[in-house]
Structures are given as C-alpha cells and as structure tokens.
Amino acid sequence: MHARLLTRIVVGDLVIDHETVTRTFSKGKGDVDGVCLCEIELGKIAKAWFKSGAPRMFPQSCLPRQD
C-alpha cells in the first residue's frame, strides 16, 4: 500500500487531505482516491472522517509476470 498526498487544505482547526492510494484489491492492483477530514484540538487529531471513491484497476498488461 502506498499513499500519495495530492492536496492539503488547512482552515482553522480543520485539515483536509486529498490522496491517491495504490493498493492490492481482491481483483488485483489499482488506485483509489480518498479524502480525509481531521479536526485538530491542542495540536492532536481529535476526530477524523474518511471517504474513498471507486477503485481504478490497473490493466493486467501493467503488472509484472508471475512466472
């Protein structure tokens, strides 16, 4: 699993991250976009919410051979 931070927005005590995560799903490898909204209190994450989109599967031709 690998996450790539695309955008971070900070507004007051809220931090919003937009990420793309590369991972292995039950049907193979692919990417999924995700958003994380964190509420910060006293310098620590007090609450967090996550939402992810639909997986985008990699074509089989992009995967290394398993000989």
PDB file of N, CA and C in Angstrom:
ATOM      1  N   MET A   1       0.850  -1.166   0.000  1.00  0.00           N
ATOM      2  CA  MET A   1       0.000   0.000   0.000  1.00  0.00           C
ATOM      3  C   MET A   1       0.899   1.233   0.000  1.00  0.00           C
ATOM      4  N   HIS A   2       0.511   2.212  -0.803  1.00  0.00           N
ATOM      5  CA  HIS A   2       1.267   3.455  -0.886  1.00  0.00           C
ATOM      6  C   HIS A   2       0.280   4.598  -1.077  1.00  0.00           C
ATOM      7  N   ALA A   3       0.384   5.634  -0.256  1.00  0.00           N
ATOM      8  CA  ALA A   3      -0.485   6.807  -0.385  1.00  0.00           C
ATOM      9  C   ALA A   3       0.327   7.992  -0.876  1.00  0.00           C
ATOM     10  N   ARG A   4      -0.259   8.745  -1.795  1.00  0.00           N
ATOM     11  CA  ARG A   4       0.381   9.956  -2.326  1.00  0.00           C
ATOM     12  C   ARG A   4      -0.543  11.132  -2.014  1.00  0.00           C
ATOM     13  N   LEU A   5      -0.043  12.088  -1.213  1.00  0.00           N
ATOM     14  CA  LEU A   5      -0.811  13.277  -0.867  1.00  0.00           C
ATOM     15  C   LEU A   5      -0.860  14.199  -2.082  1.00  0.00           C
ATOM     16  N   LEU A   6      -2.063  14.524  -2.542  1.00  0.00           N
ATOM     17  CA  LEU A   6      -2.227  15.392  -3.709  1.00  0.00           C
ATOM     18  C   LEU A   6      -2.451  16.845  -3.294  1.00  0.00           C
ATOM     19  N   THR A   7      -3.273  17.039  -2.266  1.00  0.00           N
ATOM     20  CA  THR A   7      -3.617  18.388  -1.821  1.00  0.00           C
ATOM     21  C   THR A   7      -3.879  18.374  -0.327  1.00  0.00           C
ATOM     22  N   ARG A   8      -3.435  19.410   0.369  1.00  0.00           N
ATOM     23  CA  ARG A   8      -3.773  19.606   1.789  1.00  0.00           C
ATOM     24  C   ARG A   8      -4.306  21.018   1.944  1.00  0.00           C
ATOM     25  N   ILE A   9      -5.451  21.136   2.600  1.00  0.00           N
ATOM     26  CA  ILE A   9      -6.068  22.431   2.878  1.00  0.00           C
ATOM     27  C   ILE A   9      -6.238  22.536   4.388  1.00  0.00           C
ATOM     28  N   VAL A  10      -5.792  23.655   4.958  1.00  0.00           N
ATOM     29  CA  VAL A  10      -5.952  23.893   6.391  1.00  0.00           C
ATOM     30  C   VAL A  10      -6.824  25.127   6.562  1.00  0.00           C
ATOM     31  N   VAL A  11      -7.930  24.949   7.281  1.00  0.00           N
ATOM     32  CA  VAL A  11      -8.850  26.053   7.578  1.00  0.00           C
ATOM     33  C   VAL A  11      -9.151  25.994   9.072  1.00  0.00           C
ATOM     34  N   GLY A  12      -8.563  26.911   9.822  1.00  0.00           N
ATOM     35  CA  GLY A  12      -8.772  26.910  11.268  1.00  0.00           C
ATOM     36  C   GLY A  12      -8.284  25.611  11.882  1.00  0.00           C
ATOM     37  N   ASP A  13      -9.204  24.901  12.563  1.00  0.00           N
ATOM     38  CA  ASP A  13      -8.833  23.649  13.217  1.00  0.00           C
ATOM     39  C   ASP A  13      -9.131  22.418  12.356  1.00  0.00           C
ATOM     40  N   LEU A  14      -9.401  22.622  11.063  1.00  0.00           N
ATOM     41  CA  LEU A  14      -9.681  21.515  10.148  1.00  0.00           C
ATOM     42  C   LEU A  14      -8.558  21.338   9.135  1.00  0.00           C
ATOM     43  N   VAL A  15      -8.204  20.088   8.884  1.00  0.00           N
ATOM     44  CA  VAL A  15      -7.216  19.740   7.861  1.00  0.00           C
ATOM     45  C   VAL A  15      -7.898  18.775   6.894  1.00  0.00           C
ATOM     46  N   ILE A  16      -7.858  19.099   5.605  1.00  0.00           N
ATOM     47  CA  ILE A  16      -8.476  18.261   4.582  1.00  0.00           C
ATOM     48  C   ILE A  16      -7.379  17.777   3.643  1.00  0.00           C
ATOM     49  N   ASP A  17      -7.237  16.460   3.536  1.00  0.00           N
ATOM     50  CA  ASP A  17      -6.247  15.850   2.647  1.00  0.00           C
ATOM     51  C   ASP A  17      -6.953  15.122   1.510  1.00  0.00           C
ATOM     52  N   HIS A  18      -6.432  15.297   0.301  1.00  0.00           N
ATOM     53  CA  HIS A  18      -6.879  14.520  -0.863  1.00  0.00           C
ATOM     54  C   HIS A  18      -5.699  13.644  -1.247  1.00  0.00           C
ATOM     55  N   GLU A  19      -5.919  12.332  -1.268  1.00  0.00           N
ATOM     56  CA  GLU A  19      -4.840  11.374  -1.525  1.00  0.00           C
ATOM     57  C   GLU A  19      -5.240  10.390  -2.615  1.00  0.00           C
ATOM     58  N   THR A  20      -4.236   9.813  -3.252  1.00  0.00           N
ATOM     59  CA  THR A  20      -4.424   8.648  -4.105  1.00  0.00           C
ATOM     60  C   THR A  20      -3.660   7.507  -3.463  1.00  0.00           C
ATOM     61  N   VAL A  21      -4.359   6.390  -3.254  1.00  0.00           N
ATOM     62  CA  VAL A  21      -3.762   5.223  -2.618  1.00  0.00           C
ATOM     63  C   VAL A  21      -3.622   4.122  -3.656  1.00  0.00           C
ATOM     64  N   THR A  22      -2.424   3.567  -3.777  1.00  0.00           N
ATOM     65  CA  THR A  22      -2.171   2.403  -4.633  1.00  0.00           C
ATOM     66  C   THR A  22      -2.122   1.194  -3.721  1.00  0.00           C
ATOM     67  N   ARG A  23      -2.933   0.187  -4.053  1.00  0.00           N
ATOM     68  CA  ARG A  23      -3.002  -0.990  -3.190  1.00  0.00           C
ATOM     69  C   ARG A  23      -3.441  -2.209  -3.977  1.00  0.00           C
ATOM     70  N   THR A  24      -3.440  -3.342  -3.306  1.00  0.00           N
ATOM     71  CA  THR A  24      -3.920  -4.574  -3.910  1.00  0.00           C
ATOM     72  C   THR A  24      -5.347  -4.828  -3.430  1.00  0.00           C
ATOM     73  N   PHE A  25      -6.271  -4.916  -4.375  1.00  0.00           N
ATOM     74  CA  PHE A  25      -7.663  -5.247  -4.098  1.00  0.00           C
ATOM     75  C   PHE A  25      -7.859  -6.738  -4.356  1.00  0.00           C
ATOM     76  N   SER A  26      -9.037  -7.252  -4.088  1.00  0.00           N
ATOM     77  CA  SER A  26      -9.297  -8.677  -4.325  1.00  0.00           C
ATOM     78  C   SER A  26      -9.180  -9.037  -5.807  1.00  0.00           C
ATOM     79  N   LYS A  27      -9.394  -8.060  -6.709  1.00  0.00           N
ATOM     80  CA  LYS A  27      -9.294  -8.308  -8.155  1.00  0.00           C
ATOM     81  C   LYS A  27      -7.935  -7.921  -8.733  1.00  0.00           C
ATOM     82  N   GLY A  28      -6.994  -7.481  -7.896  1.00  0.00           N
ATOM     83  CA  GLY A  28      -5.668  -7.101  -8.366  1.00  0.00           C
ATOM     84  C   GLY A  28      -5.279  -5.717  -7.884  1.00  0.00           C
ATOM     85  N   LYS A  29      -4.201  -5.178  -8.466  1.00  0.00           N
ATOM     86  CA  LYS A  29      -3.689  -3.863  -8.062  1.00  0.00           C
ATOM     87  C   LYS A  29      -4.457  -2.739  -8.736  1.00  0.00           C
ATOM     88  N   GLY A  30      -4.494  -1.587  -8.024  1.00  0.00           N
ATOM     89  CA  GLY A  30      -5.170  -0.424  -8.572  1.00  0.00           C
ATOM     90  C   GLY A  30      -4.992   0.782  -7.671  1.00  0.00           C
ATOM     91  N   ASP A  31      -5.645   1.870  -8.042  1.00  0.00           N
ATOM     92  CA  ASP A  31      -5.633   3.129  -7.285  1.00  0.00           C
ATOM     93  C   ASP A  31      -7.035   3.432  -6.789  1.00  0.00           C
ATOM     94  N   VAL A  32      -7.100   4.200  -5.719  1.00  0.00           N
ATOM     95  CA  VAL A  32      -8.371   4.718  -5.227  1.00  0.00           C
ATOM     96  C   VAL A  32      -8.098   6.110  -4.657  1.00  0.00           C
ATOM     97  N   ASP A  33      -8.984   7.061  -4.962  1.00  0.00           N
ATOM     98  CA  ASP A  33      -8.875   8.404  -4.399  1.00  0.00           C
ATOM     99  C   ASP A  33      -9.553   8.420  -3.048  1.00  0.00           C
ATOM    100  N   GLY A  34      -9.000   9.202  -2.136  1.00  0.00           N
ATOM    101  CA  GLY A  34      -9.584   9.310  -0.807  1.00  0.00           C
ATOM    102  C   GLY A  34      -9.469  10.725  -0.273  1.00  0.00           C
ATOM    103  N   VAL A  35     -10.382  11.043   0.635  1.00  0.00           N
ATOM    104  CA  VAL A  35     -10.381  12.333   1.315  1.00  0.00           C
ATOM    105  C   VAL A  35     -10.408  12.055   2.810  1.00  0.00           C
ATOM    106  N   CYS A  36      -9.590  12.776   3.537  1.00  0.00           N
ATOM    107  CA  CYS A  36      -9.572  12.680   4.992  1.00  0.00           C
ATOM    108  C   CYS A  36      -9.795  14.081   5.559  1.00  0.00           C
ATOM    109  N   LEU A  37     -10.738  14.194   6.471  1.00  0.00           N
ATOM    110  CA  LEU A  37     -11.024  15.455   7.143  1.00  0.00           C
ATOM    111  C   LEU A  37     -10.701  15.246   8.618  1.00  0.00           C
ATOM    112  N   CYS A  38      -9.757  16.034   9.150  1.00  0.00           N
ATOM    113  CA  CYS A  38      -9.336  15.904  10.548  1.00  0.00           C
ATOM    114  C   CYS A  38      -9.640  17.181  11.313  1.00  0.00           C
ATOM    115  N   GLU A  39     -10.172  17.012  12.514  1.00  0.00           N
ATOM    116  CA  GLU A  39     -10.385  18.135  13.419  1.00  0.00           C
ATOM    117  C   GLU A  39      -9.265  18.098  14.459  1.00  0.00           C
ATOM    118  N   ILE A  40      -8.563  19.216  14.601  1.00  0.00           N
ATOM    119  CA  ILE A  40      -7.397  19.295  15.483  1.00  0.00           C
ATOM    120  C   ILE A  40      -7.769  20.030  16.767  1.00  0.00           C
ATOM    121  N   GLU A  41      -7.385  19.428  17.913  1.00  0.00           N
ATOM    122  CA  GLU A  41      -7.559  20.071  19.219  1.00  0.00           C
ATOM    123  C   GLU A  41      -6.257  19.934  19.998  1.00  0.00           C
ATOM    124  N   LEU A  42      -5.727  21.037  20.460  1.00  0.00           N
ATOM    125  CA  LEU A  42      -4.487  21.054  21.244  1.00  0.00           C
ATOM    126  C   LEU A  42      -3.343  20.359  20.510  1.00  0.00           C
ATOM    127  N   GLY A  43      -3.286  20.559  19.187  1.00  0.00           N
ATOM    128  CA  GLY A  43      -2.189  20.021  18.388  1.00  0.00           C
ATOM    129  C   GLY A  43      -2.303  18.548  18.041  1.00  0.00           C
ATOM    130  N   LYS A  44      -3.430  17.917  18.379  1.00  0.00           N
ATOM    131  CA  LYS A  44      -3.624  16.494  18.086  1.00  0.00           C
ATOM    132  C   LYS A  44      -4.937  16.283  17.333  1.00  0.00           C
ATOM    133  N   ILE A  45      -5.012  15.175  16.609  1.00  0.00           N
ATOM    134  CA  ILE A  45      -6.234  14.843  15.895  1.00  0.00           C
ATOM    135  C   ILE A  45      -7.287  14.402  16.907  1.00  0.00           C
ATOM    136  N   ALA A  46      -8.395  15.142  16.974  1.00  0.00           N
ATOM    137  CA  ALA A  46      -9.483  14.818  17.903  1.00  0.00           C
ATOM    138  C   ALA A  46     -10.539  13.950  17.221  1.00  0.00           C
ATOM    139  N   LYS A  47     -10.810  14.239  15.943  1.00  0.00           N
ATOM    140  CA  LYS A  47     -11.795  13.484  15.169  1.00  0.00           C
ATOM    141  C   LYS A  47     -11.287  13.376  13.744  1.00  0.00           C
ATOM    142  N   ALA A  48     -11.661  12.295  13.077  1.00  0.00           N
ATOM    143  CA  ALA A  48     -11.261  12.119  11.678  1.00  0.00           C
ATOM    144  C   ALA A  48     -12.379  11.427  10.916  1.00  0.00           C
ATOM    145  N   TRP A  49     -12.582  11.855   9.671  1.00  0.00           N
ATOM    146  CA  TRP A  49     -13.563  11.265   8.773  1.00  0.00           C
ATOM    147  C   TRP A  49     -12.867  10.901   7.476  1.00  0.00           C
ATOM    148  N   PHE A  50     -13.249   9.774   6.888  1.00  0.00           N
ATOM    149  CA  PHE A  50     -12.633   9.294   5.653  1.00  0.00           C
ATOM    150  C   PHE A  50     -13.712   8.954   4.632  1.00  0.00           C
ATOM    151  N   LYS A  51     -13.413   9.213   3.386  1.00  0.00           N
ATOM    152  CA  LYS A  51     -14.299   8.830   2.280  1.00  0.00           C
ATOM    153  C   LYS A  51     -13.413   8.426   1.112  1.00  0.00           C
ATOM    154  N   SER A  52     -13.723   7.284   0.502  1.00  0.00           N
ATOM    155  CA  SER A  52     -12.942   6.856  -0.658  1.00  0.00           C
ATOM    156  C   SER A  52     -13.864   6.655  -1.847  1.00  0.00           C
ATOM    157  N   GLY A  53     -13.275   6.797  -3.023  1.00  0.00           N
ATOM    158  CA  GLY A  53     -14.010   6.641  -4.264  1.00  0.00           C
ATOM    159  C   GLY A  53     -13.954   5.205  -4.757  1.00  0.00           C
ATOM    160  N   ALA A  54     -14.350   5.030  -5.989  1.00  0.00           N
ATOM    161  CA  ALA A  54     -14.342   3.708  -6.612  1.00  0.00           C
ATOM    162  C   ALA A  54     -12.918   3.351  -7.041  1.00  0.00           C
ATOM    163  N   PRO A  55     -12.523   2.101  -6.866  1.00  0.00           N
ATOM    164  CA  PRO A  55     -11.185   1.673  -7.303  1.00  0.00           C
ATOM    165  C   PRO A  55     -11.026   1.773  -8.817  1.00  0.00           C
ATOM    166  N   ARG A  56      -9.813   2.120  -9.242  1.00  0.00           N
ATOM    167  CA  ARG A  56      -9.435   2.106 -10.663  1.00  0.00           C
ATOM    168  C   ARG A  56      -8.381   1.022 -10.815  1.00  0.00           C
ATOM    169  N   MET A  57      -8.776  -0.089 -11.401  1.00  0.00           N
ATOM    170  CA  MET A  57      -7.886  -1.236 -11.507  1.00  0.00           C
ATOM    171  C   MET A  57      -6.849  -1.015 -12.605  1.00  0.00           C
ATOM    172  N   PHE A  58      -5.613  -1.485 -12.357  1.00  0.00           N
ATOM    173  CA  PHE A  58      -4.560  -1.423 -13.362  1.00  0.00           C
ATOM    174  C   PHE A  58      -4.828  -2.508 -14.409  1.00  0.00           C
ATOM    175  N   PRO A  59      -4.559  -2.212 -15.690  1.00  0.00           N
ATOM    176  CA  PRO A  59      -4.662  -3.273 -16.705  1.00  0.00           C
ATOM    177  C   PRO A  59      -3.667  -4.389 -16.387  1.00  0.00           C
ATOM    178  N   GLN A  60      -4.031  -5.612 -16.680  1.00  0.00           N
ATOM    179  CA  GLN A  60      -3.151  -6.760 -16.406  1.00  0.00           C
ATOM    180  C   GLN A  60      -1.807  -6.626 -17.121  1.00  0.00           C
ATOM    181  N   SER A  61      -1.768  -5.928 -18.263  1.00  0.00           N
ATOM    182  CA  SER A  61      -0.519  -5.757 -19.001  1.00  0.00           C
ATOM    183  C   SER A  61       0.490  -4.892 -18.256  1.00  0.00           C
ATOM    184  N   CYS A  62       0.047  -4.133 -17.258  1.00  0.00           N
ATOM    185  CA  CYS A  62       0.940  -3.260 -16.491  1.00  0.00           C
ATOM    186  C   CYS A  62       1.584  -3.999 -15.318  1.00  0.00           C
ATOM    187  N   LEU A  63       1.135  -5.214 -15.034  1.00  0.00           N
ATOM    188  CA  LEU A  63       1.637  -5.935 -13.870  1.00  0.00           C
ATOM    189  C   LEU A  63       2.828  -6.821 -14.264  1.00  0.00           C
ATOM    190  N   PRO A  64       3.787  -7.001 -13.344  1.00  0.00           N
ATOM    191  CA  PRO A  64       4.910  -7.887 -13.644  1.00  0.00           C
ATOM    192  C   PRO A  64       4.449  -9.332 -13.786  1.00  0.00           C
ATOM    193  N   ARG A  65       5.147 -10.108 -14.603  1.00  0.00           N
ATOM    194  CA  ARG A  65       4.815 -11.512 -14.810  1.00  0.00           C
ATOM    195  C   ARG A  65       5.123 -12.309 -13.549  1.00  0.00           C
ATOM    196  N   GLN A  66       4.320 -13.308 -13.268  1.00  0.00           N
ATOM    197  CA  GLN A  66       4.485 -14.173 -12.105  1.00  0.00           C
ATOM    198  C   GLN A  66       4.916 -15.567 -12.535  1.00  0.00           C
ATOM    199  N   ASP A  67       6.029 -15.688 -13.275  1.00  0.00           N
ATOM    200  CA  ASP A  67       6.495 -16.995 -13.786  1.00  0.00           C
ATOM    201  C   ASP A  67       7.100 -17.844 -12.711  1.00  0.00           C
TER     202      ASP A  67
END
